[in-house]
Amino acid sequence: PPATRAPSPPTAAAAASGASAAGTTNPAPDAWALTLDGLKIDRAQLRWQDDSLQPAAAFTLADLSLQTQALRWPAPPPVPVALKAVLHSGGADGPVAAQLSVDGQASPERATLALTLEAPDLGLFGPYLATALKPRWSGRLQLKAGLDWAADPAALALRIDDALLRDLQLRDGSGRGAVLLAGLKQLQAAGVALDLQARRATVTRLKIDQPQASVARQAD
């Protein structure tokens, strides 16, 4: 029979050419980039209903305004943030529970914020306060504070520049028969620093005016 010839192995150039053809892929497209020179939100509302509590809690965050600028993505730089809002108990026409303002700079890696809070009636937060203490709370709070946060290395620090708590009362019961358990005319704190990461707290000044408390022992 006629002699047969085995097929010759592919040359190195042909092998390289085949491998190159098989391994050729289209490069991945570049990621989307976002640039926003400014963002402003005016008079927004946010409704909160919490039926897990007894009684249920309902609040409305009204007159919400948010302003920031120079937004970039990816690799966003720290951007200025300004936020103001009014928290109402119930609907937007309900009594004012708190007025809030926040100013500072924030990014995905760190944030430095200044906070101002005024709460004219702590009793409006009764459903949440009742989860910690049974007596009913009343009083007024004014607060100026700051927050510093960082992702890496992890850091979280709260600074209270000035806090004023007035006419605090804790009462047991309701109506005219409610018994005053504890209270004070005024509590003022300044220069408070809380390093939550290091679990360290310092207080420069603390003043308490006219504190009072009731102590009773049952006959049995």
C-alpha atoms as a PDB file:
ATOM      1  CA  PRO A   1       0.000   0.000   0.000  1.00  0.00           C
ATOM      2  CA  PRO A   2       1.125   3.582  -0.556  1.00  0.00           C
ATOM      3  CA  ALA A   3       2.969   5.140   2.306  1.00  0.00           C
ATOM      4  CA  THR A   4       1.064   7.660   4.411  1.00  0.00           C
ATOM      5  CA  ARG A   5       2.536  10.755   5.973  1.00  0.00           C
ATOM      6  CA  ALA A   6       1.553  11.898   9.420  1.00  0.00           C
ATOM      7  CA  PRO A   7       0.417  15.508   9.643  1.00  0.00           C
ATOM      8  CA  SER A   8       3.191  17.825  10.695  1.00  0.00           C
ATOM      9  CA  PRO A   9       2.781  19.569  14.035  1.00  0.00           C
ATOM     10  CA  PRO A  10       1.866  23.230  13.880  1.00  0.00           C
ATOM     11  CA  THR A  11       4.716  25.648  13.815  1.00  0.00           C
ATOM     12  CA  ALA A  12       5.394  27.903  16.776  1.00  0.00           C
ATOM     13  CA  ALA A  13       4.237  30.917  14.790  1.00  0.00           C
ATOM     14  CA  ALA A  14       0.949  29.233  13.881  1.00  0.00           C
ATOM     15  CA  ALA A  15       0.386  28.131  17.480  1.00  0.00           C
ATOM     16  CA  ALA A  16       1.068  31.613  18.760  1.00  0.00           C
ATOM     17  CA  SER A  17      -1.246  33.068  16.136  1.00  0.00           C
ATOM     18  CA  GLY A  18      -4.051  30.660  17.115  1.00  0.00           C
ATOM     19  CA  ALA A  19      -3.611  31.328  20.804  1.00  0.00           C
ATOM     20  CA  SER A  20      -3.651  35.019  20.164  1.00  0.00           C
ATOM     21  CA  ALA A  21      -6.834  34.758  18.160  1.00  0.00           C
ATOM     22  CA  ALA A  22      -8.545  32.595  20.778  1.00  0.00           C
ATOM     23  CA  GLY A  23      -7.514  34.852  23.633  1.00  0.00           C
ATOM     24  CA  THR A  24      -8.508  38.097  21.988  1.00  0.00           C
ATOM     25  CA  THR A  25     -11.360  39.851  23.891  1.00  0.00           C
ATOM     26  CA  ASN A  26     -12.802  43.292  23.602  1.00  0.00           C
ATOM     27  CA  PRO A  27     -11.541  45.555  26.394  1.00  0.00           C
ATOM     28  CA  ALA A  28     -14.099  46.369  29.114  1.00  0.00           C
ATOM     29  CA  PRO A  29     -15.669  49.759  28.624  1.00  0.00           C
ATOM     30  CA  ASP A  30     -14.693  52.501  31.053  1.00  0.00           C
ATOM     31  CA  ALA A  31     -16.917  52.922  34.134  1.00  0.00           C
ATOM     32  CA  TRP A  32     -19.524  55.642  34.090  1.00  0.00           C
ATOM     33  CA  ALA A  33     -18.458  58.970  35.555  1.00  0.00           C
ATOM     34  CA  LEU A  34     -20.893  61.391  37.183  1.00  0.00           C
ATOM     35  CA  THR A  35     -20.372  65.094  37.693  1.00  0.00           C
ATOM     36  CA  LEU A  36     -22.973  67.232  39.440  1.00  0.00           C
ATOM     37  CA  ASP A  37     -22.109  70.845  40.133  1.00  0.00           C
ATOM     38  CA  GLY A  38     -24.920  71.379  42.626  1.00  0.00           C
ATOM     39  CA  LEU A  39     -27.877  69.654  44.288  1.00  0.00           C
ATOM     40  CA  LYS A  40     -30.660  71.459  46.127  1.00  0.00           C
ATOM     41  CA  ILE A  41     -33.827  70.025  47.669  1.00  0.00           C
ATOM     42  CA  ASP A  42     -36.459  72.343  49.163  1.00  0.00           C
ATOM     43  CA  ARG A  43     -39.496  71.703  51.384  1.00  0.00           C
ATOM     44  CA  ALA A  44     -39.403  67.919  51.204  1.00  0.00           C
ATOM     45  CA  GLN A  45     -41.373  65.753  53.657  1.00  0.00           C
ATOM     46  CA  LEU A  46     -40.732  62.368  55.189  1.00  0.00           C
ATOM     47  CA  ARG A  47     -43.439  60.521  57.121  1.00  0.00           C
ATOM     48  CA  TRP A  48     -42.510  58.017  59.868  1.00  0.00           C
ATOM     49  CA  GLN A  49     -45.008  55.557  61.390  1.00  0.00           C
ATOM     50  CA  ASP A  50     -43.812  53.015  63.977  1.00  0.00           C
ATOM     51  CA  ASP A  51     -46.516  50.535  64.991  1.00  0.00           C
ATOM     52  CA  SER A  52     -44.056  48.340  66.878  1.00  0.00           C
ATOM     53  CA  LEU A  53     -44.485  50.610  69.915  1.00  0.00           C
ATOM     54  CA  GLN A  54     -47.390  50.966  72.284  1.00  0.00           C
ATOM     55  CA  PRO A  55     -48.609  53.610  71.814  1.00  0.00           C
ATOM     56  CA  ALA A  56     -47.516  53.834  68.195  1.00  0.00           C
ATOM     57  CA  ALA A  57     -45.161  56.643  67.203  1.00  0.00           C
ATOM     58  CA  ALA A  58     -45.816  58.936  64.255  1.00  0.00           C
ATOM     59  CA  PHE A  59     -43.615  61.809  63.098  1.00  0.00           C
ATOM     60  CA  THR A  60     -43.264  63.968  60.004  1.00  0.00           C
ATOM     61  CA  LEU A  61     -39.982  65.511  58.950  1.00  0.00           C
ATOM     62  CA  ALA A  62     -41.137  68.651  57.160  1.00  0.00           C
ATOM     63  CA  ASP A  63     -39.568  71.700  55.518  1.00  0.00           C
ATOM     64  CA  LEU A  64     -36.579  69.496  54.712  1.00  0.00           C
ATOM     65  CA  SER A  65     -33.919  71.336  52.729  1.00  0.00           C
ATOM     66  CA  LEU A  66     -30.644  69.842  51.539  1.00  0.00           C
ATOM     67  CA  GLN A  67     -27.891  71.572  49.631  1.00  0.00           C
ATOM     68  CA  THR A  68     -24.551  70.281  48.398  1.00  0.00           C
ATOM     69  CA  GLN A  69     -22.196  70.828  45.464  1.00  0.00           C
ATOM     70  CA  ALA A  70     -19.210  69.527  43.515  1.00  0.00           C
ATOM     71  CA  LEU A  71     -20.428  65.917  43.457  1.00  0.00           C
ATOM     72  CA  ARG A  72     -18.163  63.494  41.589  1.00  0.00           C
ATOM     73  CA  TRP A  73     -18.263  59.742  40.951  1.00  0.00           C
ATOM     74  CA  PRO A  74     -16.141  57.656  41.142  1.00  0.00           C
ATOM     75  CA  ALA A  75     -13.592  58.881  43.712  1.00  0.00           C
ATOM     76  CA  PRO A  76     -15.854  61.552  45.173  1.00  0.00           C
ATOM     77  CA  PRO A  77     -14.072  64.302  47.102  1.00  0.00           C
ATOM     78  CA  PRO A  78     -15.396  65.681  50.401  1.00  0.00           C
ATOM     79  CA  VAL A  79     -18.405  67.842  49.583  1.00  0.00           C
ATOM     80  CA  PRO A  80     -20.104  70.558  51.622  1.00  0.00           C
ATOM     81  CA  VAL A  81     -23.452  69.562  53.113  1.00  0.00           C
ATOM     82  CA  ALA A  82     -26.164  71.802  54.544  1.00  0.00           C
ATOM     83  CA  LEU A  83     -29.399  70.327  55.888  1.00  0.00           C
ATOM     84  CA  LYS A  84     -32.330  71.840  57.771  1.00  0.00           C
ATOM     85  CA  ALA A  85     -35.613  70.284  58.849  1.00  0.00           C
ATOM     86  CA  VAL A  86     -38.467  70.517  61.319  1.00  0.00           C
ATOM     87  CA  LEU A  87     -39.763  67.374  63.033  1.00  0.00           C
ATOM     88  CA  HIS A  88     -43.466  67.346  63.875  1.00  0.00           C
ATOM     89  CA  SER A  89     -45.340  64.929  66.071  1.00  0.00           C
ATOM     90  CA  GLY A  90     -48.024  63.343  63.897  1.00  0.00           C
ATOM     91  CA  GLY A  91     -48.594  65.199  60.636  1.00  0.00           C
ATOM     92  CA  ALA A  92     -46.915  68.286  59.254  1.00  0.00           C
ATOM     93  CA  ASP A  93     -49.482  70.422  61.091  1.00  0.00           C
ATOM     94  CA  GLY A  94     -48.748  68.737  64.435  1.00  0.00           C
ATOM     95  CA  PRO A  95     -46.755  70.236  67.297  1.00  0.00           C
ATOM     96  CA  VAL A  96     -43.041  70.806  66.695  1.00  0.00           C
ATOM     97  CA  ALA A  97     -40.956  68.064  68.271  1.00  0.00           C
ATOM     98  CA  ALA A  98     -37.540  69.311  67.107  1.00  0.00           C
ATOM     99  CA  GLN A  99     -35.746  71.718  64.798  1.00  0.00           C
ATOM    100  CA  LEU A 100     -32.559  70.389  63.239  1.00  0.00           C
ATOM    101  CA  SER A 101     -29.693  71.807  61.212  1.00  0.00           C
ATOM    102  CA  VAL A 102     -26.531  70.072  59.978  1.00  0.00           C
ATOM    103  CA  ASP A 103     -23.526  71.698  58.275  1.00  0.00           C
ATOM    104  CA  GLY A 104     -20.153  70.307  57.312  1.00  0.00           C
ATOM    105  CA  GLN A 105     -18.321  68.112  54.812  1.00  0.00           C
ATOM    106  CA  ALA A 106     -18.816  64.451  53.968  1.00  0.00           C
ATOM    107  CA  SER A 107     -17.429  61.737  51.687  1.00  0.00           C
ATOM    108  CA  PRO A 108     -17.570  57.915  51.633  1.00  0.00           C
ATOM    109  CA  GLU A 109     -14.322  57.874  53.654  1.00  0.00           C
ATOM    110  CA  ARG A 110     -14.900  60.557  56.289  1.00  0.00           C
ATOM    111  CA  ALA A 111     -17.296  63.204  57.558  1.00  0.00           C
ATOM    112  CA  THR A 112     -17.080  66.275  59.778  1.00  0.00           C
ATOM    113  CA  LEU A 113     -20.470  67.707  60.737  1.00  0.00           C
ATOM    114  CA  ALA A 114     -21.835  70.395  63.043  1.00  0.00           C
ATOM    115  CA  LEU A 115     -25.278  69.781  64.536  1.00  0.00           C
ATOM    116  CA  THR A 116     -27.808  72.159  66.097  1.00  0.00           C
ATOM    117  CA  LEU A 117     -30.939  70.750  67.727  1.00  0.00           C
ATOM    118  CA  GLU A 118     -33.848  72.325  69.585  1.00  0.00           C
ATOM    119  CA  ALA A 119     -36.543  70.117  71.116  1.00  0.00           C
ATOM    120  CA  PRO A 120     -39.215  72.256  72.823  1.00  0.00           C
ATOM    121  CA  ASP A 121     -41.129  69.317  74.342  1.00  0.00           C
ATOM    122  CA  LEU A 122     -39.413  66.012  75.098  1.00  0.00           C
ATOM    123  CA  GLY A 123     -42.773  64.563  76.005  1.00  0.00           C
ATOM    124  CA  LEU A 124     -43.559  64.265  72.291  1.00  0.00           C
ATOM    125  CA  PHE A 125     -40.949  61.498  72.132  1.00  0.00           C
ATOM    126  CA  GLY A 126     -42.849  59.587  74.819  1.00  0.00           C
ATOM    127  CA  PRO A 127     -43.339  56.339  72.823  1.00  0.00           C
ATOM    128  CA  TYR A 128     -39.572  55.950  72.416  1.00  0.00           C
ATOM    129  CA  LEU A 129     -38.603  57.228  75.861  1.00  0.00           C
ATOM    130  CA  ALA A 130     -41.024  54.723  77.389  1.00  0.00           C
ATOM    131  CA  THR A 131     -38.917  51.854  76.027  1.00  0.00           C
ATOM    132  CA  ALA A 132     -36.128  52.918  78.419  1.00  0.00           C
ATOM    133  CA  LEU A 133     -38.061  54.342  81.388  1.00  0.00           C
ATOM    134  CA  LYS A 134     -41.672  53.907  82.421  1.00  0.00           C
ATOM    135  CA  PRO A 135     -42.209  57.429  83.858  1.00  0.00           C
ATOM    136  CA  ARG A 136     -43.421  60.145  81.510  1.00  0.00           C
ATOM    137  CA  TRP A 137     -40.822  62.687  80.441  1.00  0.00           C
ATOM    138  CA  SER A 138     -41.209  66.412  79.898  1.00  0.00           C
ATOM    139  CA  GLY A 139     -38.679  69.142  79.346  1.00  0.00           C
ATOM    140  CA  ARG A 140     -36.862  71.239  76.745  1.00  0.00           C
ATOM    141  CA  LEU A 141     -33.507  70.592  75.085  1.00  0.00           C
ATOM    142  CA  GLN A 142     -31.063  72.799  73.188  1.00  0.00           C
ATOM    143  CA  LEU A 143     -27.940  71.227  71.734  1.00  0.00           C
ATOM    144  CA  LYS A 144     -24.897  72.284  69.731  1.00  0.00           C
ATOM    145  CA  ALA A 145     -22.655  69.380  68.823  1.00  0.00           C
ATOM    146  CA  GLY A 146     -20.190  68.024  66.283  1.00  0.00           C
ATOM    147  CA  LEU A 147     -19.490  64.633  64.745  1.00  0.00           C
ATOM    148  CA  ASP A 148     -16.227  63.304  63.297  1.00  0.00           C
ATOM    149  CA  TRP A 149     -16.234  59.973  61.463  1.00  0.00           C
ATOM    150  CA  ALA A 150     -13.665  58.100  59.393  1.00  0.00           C
ATOM    151  CA  ALA A 151     -13.775  54.680  57.714  1.00  0.00           C
ATOM    152  CA  ASP A 152     -10.066  53.792  57.706  1.00  0.00           C
ATOM    153  CA  PRO A 153      -8.637  53.946  60.248  1.00  0.00           C
ATOM    154  CA  ALA A 154     -11.995  53.619  61.976  1.00  0.00           C
ATOM    155  CA  ALA A 155     -12.906  56.639  64.100  1.00  0.00           C
ATOM    156  CA  LEU A 156     -16.144  57.983  65.559  1.00  0.00           C
ATOM    157  CA  ALA A 157     -16.163  60.943  67.931  1.00  0.00           C
ATOM    158  CA  LEU A 158     -19.029  63.087  69.216  1.00  0.00           C
ATOM    159  CA  ARG A 159     -18.415  66.566  70.555  1.00  0.00           C
ATOM    160  CA  ILE A 160     -21.021  68.476  72.589  1.00  0.00           C
ATOM    161  CA  ASP A 161     -20.099  72.133  72.586  1.00  0.00           C
ATOM    162  CA  ASP A 162     -23.141  73.235  74.576  1.00  0.00           C
ATOM    163  CA  ALA A 163     -26.202  71.367  75.870  1.00  0.00           C
ATOM    164  CA  LEU A 164     -29.012  72.907  77.884  1.00  0.00           C
ATOM    165  CA  LEU A 165     -31.818  70.824  79.396  1.00  0.00           C
ATOM    166  CA  ARG A 166     -34.601  72.789  81.112  1.00  0.00           C
ATOM    167  CA  ASP A 167     -37.592  71.882  83.269  1.00  0.00           C
ATOM    168  CA  LEU A 168     -36.970  68.160  83.143  1.00  0.00           C
ATOM    169  CA  GLN A 169     -39.635  66.141  84.949  1.00  0.00           C
ATOM    170  CA  LEU A 170     -40.255  62.418  85.270  1.00  0.00           C
ATOM    171  CA  ARG A 171     -43.764  61.639  86.486  1.00  0.00           C
ATOM    172  CA  ASP A 172     -45.560  58.407  87.291  1.00  0.00           C
ATOM    173  CA  GLY A 173     -49.169  58.342  86.201  1.00  0.00           C
ATOM    174  CA  SER A 174     -51.163  60.871  84.207  1.00  0.00           C
ATOM    175  CA  GLY A 175     -53.247  63.951  84.836  1.00  0.00           C
ATOM    176  CA  ARG A 176     -53.279  65.854  88.095  1.00  0.00           C
ATOM    177  CA  GLY A 177     -52.615  62.700  90.067  1.00  0.00           C
ATOM    178  CA  ALA A 178     -49.241  62.102  88.415  1.00  0.00           C
ATOM    179  CA  VAL A 179     -46.461  61.804  91.004  1.00  0.00           C
ATOM    180  CA  LEU A 180     -43.216  63.673  90.424  1.00  0.00           C
ATOM    181  CA  LEU A 181     -40.415  61.140  90.713  1.00  0.00           C
ATOM    182  CA  ALA A 182     -37.466  63.295  89.688  1.00  0.00           C
ATOM    183  CA  GLY A 183     -36.709  66.553  87.985  1.00  0.00           C
ATOM    184  CA  LEU A 184     -34.436  69.548  87.707  1.00  0.00           C
ATOM    185  CA  LYS A 185     -34.705  73.176  86.767  1.00  0.00           C
ATOM    186  CA  GLN A 186     -31.725  73.218  84.459  1.00  0.00           C
ATOM    187  CA  LEU A 187     -28.781  71.091  83.395  1.00  0.00           C
ATOM    188  CA  GLN A 188     -25.973  72.613  81.363  1.00  0.00           C
ATOM    189  CA  ALA A 189     -23.020  70.747  79.879  1.00  0.00           C
ATOM    190  CA  ALA A 190     -20.134  72.084  77.812  1.00  0.00           C
ATOM    191  CA  GLY A 191     -16.903  70.736  76.423  1.00  0.00           C
ATOM    192  CA  VAL A 192     -18.095  67.126  76.281  1.00  0.00           C
ATOM    193  CA  ALA A 193     -16.051  64.779  74.085  1.00  0.00           C
ATOM    194  CA  LEU A 194     -17.027  61.160  73.424  1.00  0.00           C
ATOM    195  CA  ASP A 195     -14.535  58.972  71.571  1.00  0.00           C
ATOM    196  CA  LEU A 196     -16.689  55.934  70.818  1.00  0.00           C
ATOM    197  CA  GLN A 197     -13.861  54.007  69.194  1.00  0.00           C
ATOM    198  CA  ALA A 198     -11.551  54.425  72.195  1.00  0.00           C
ATOM    199  CA  ARG A 199     -14.445  54.259  74.710  1.00  0.00           C
ATOM    200  CA  ARG A 200     -13.333  57.473  76.350  1.00  0.00           C
ATOM    201  CA  ALA A 201     -15.377  60.455  77.572  1.00  0.00           C
ATOM    202  CA  THR A 202     -14.333  63.834  78.950  1.00  0.00           C
ATOM    203  CA  VAL A 203     -16.502  66.639  80.366  1.00  0.00           C
ATOM    204  CA  THR A 204     -15.212  70.173  80.853  1.00  0.00           C
ATOM    205  CA  ARG A 205     -18.221  71.640  82.648  1.00  0.00           C
ATOM    206  CA  LEU A 206     -21.444  70.255  84.110  1.00  0.00           C
ATOM    207  CA  LYS A 207     -23.922  72.368  86.094  1.00  0.00           C
ATOM    208  CA  ILE A 208     -27.197  71.145  87.614  1.00  0.00           C
ATOM    209  CA  ASP A 209     -29.742  73.581  89.123  1.00  0.00           C
ATOM    210  CA  GLN A 210     -32.496  72.622  91.562  1.00  0.00           C
ATOM    211  CA  PRO A 211     -32.488  68.848  91.213  1.00  0.00           C
ATOM    212  CA  GLN A 212     -35.207  66.989  93.117  1.00  0.00           C
ATOM    213  CA  ALA A 213     -36.302  63.408  93.621  1.00  0.00           C
ATOM    214  CA  SER A 214     -39.010  61.502  95.472  1.00  0.00           C
ATOM    215  CA  VAL A 215     -38.274  58.352  97.436  1.00  0.00           C
ATOM    216  CA  ALA A 216     -41.072  56.148  98.784  1.00  0.00           C
ATOM    217  CA  ARG A 217     -41.211  52.767 100.467  1.00  0.00           C
ATOM    218  CA  GLN A 218     -44.320  50.633 100.392  1.00  0.00           C
ATOM    219  CA  ALA A 219     -45.731  49.339 103.666  1.00  0.00           C
ATOM    220  CA  ASP A 220     -45.294  45.712 102.661  1.00  0.00           C
END
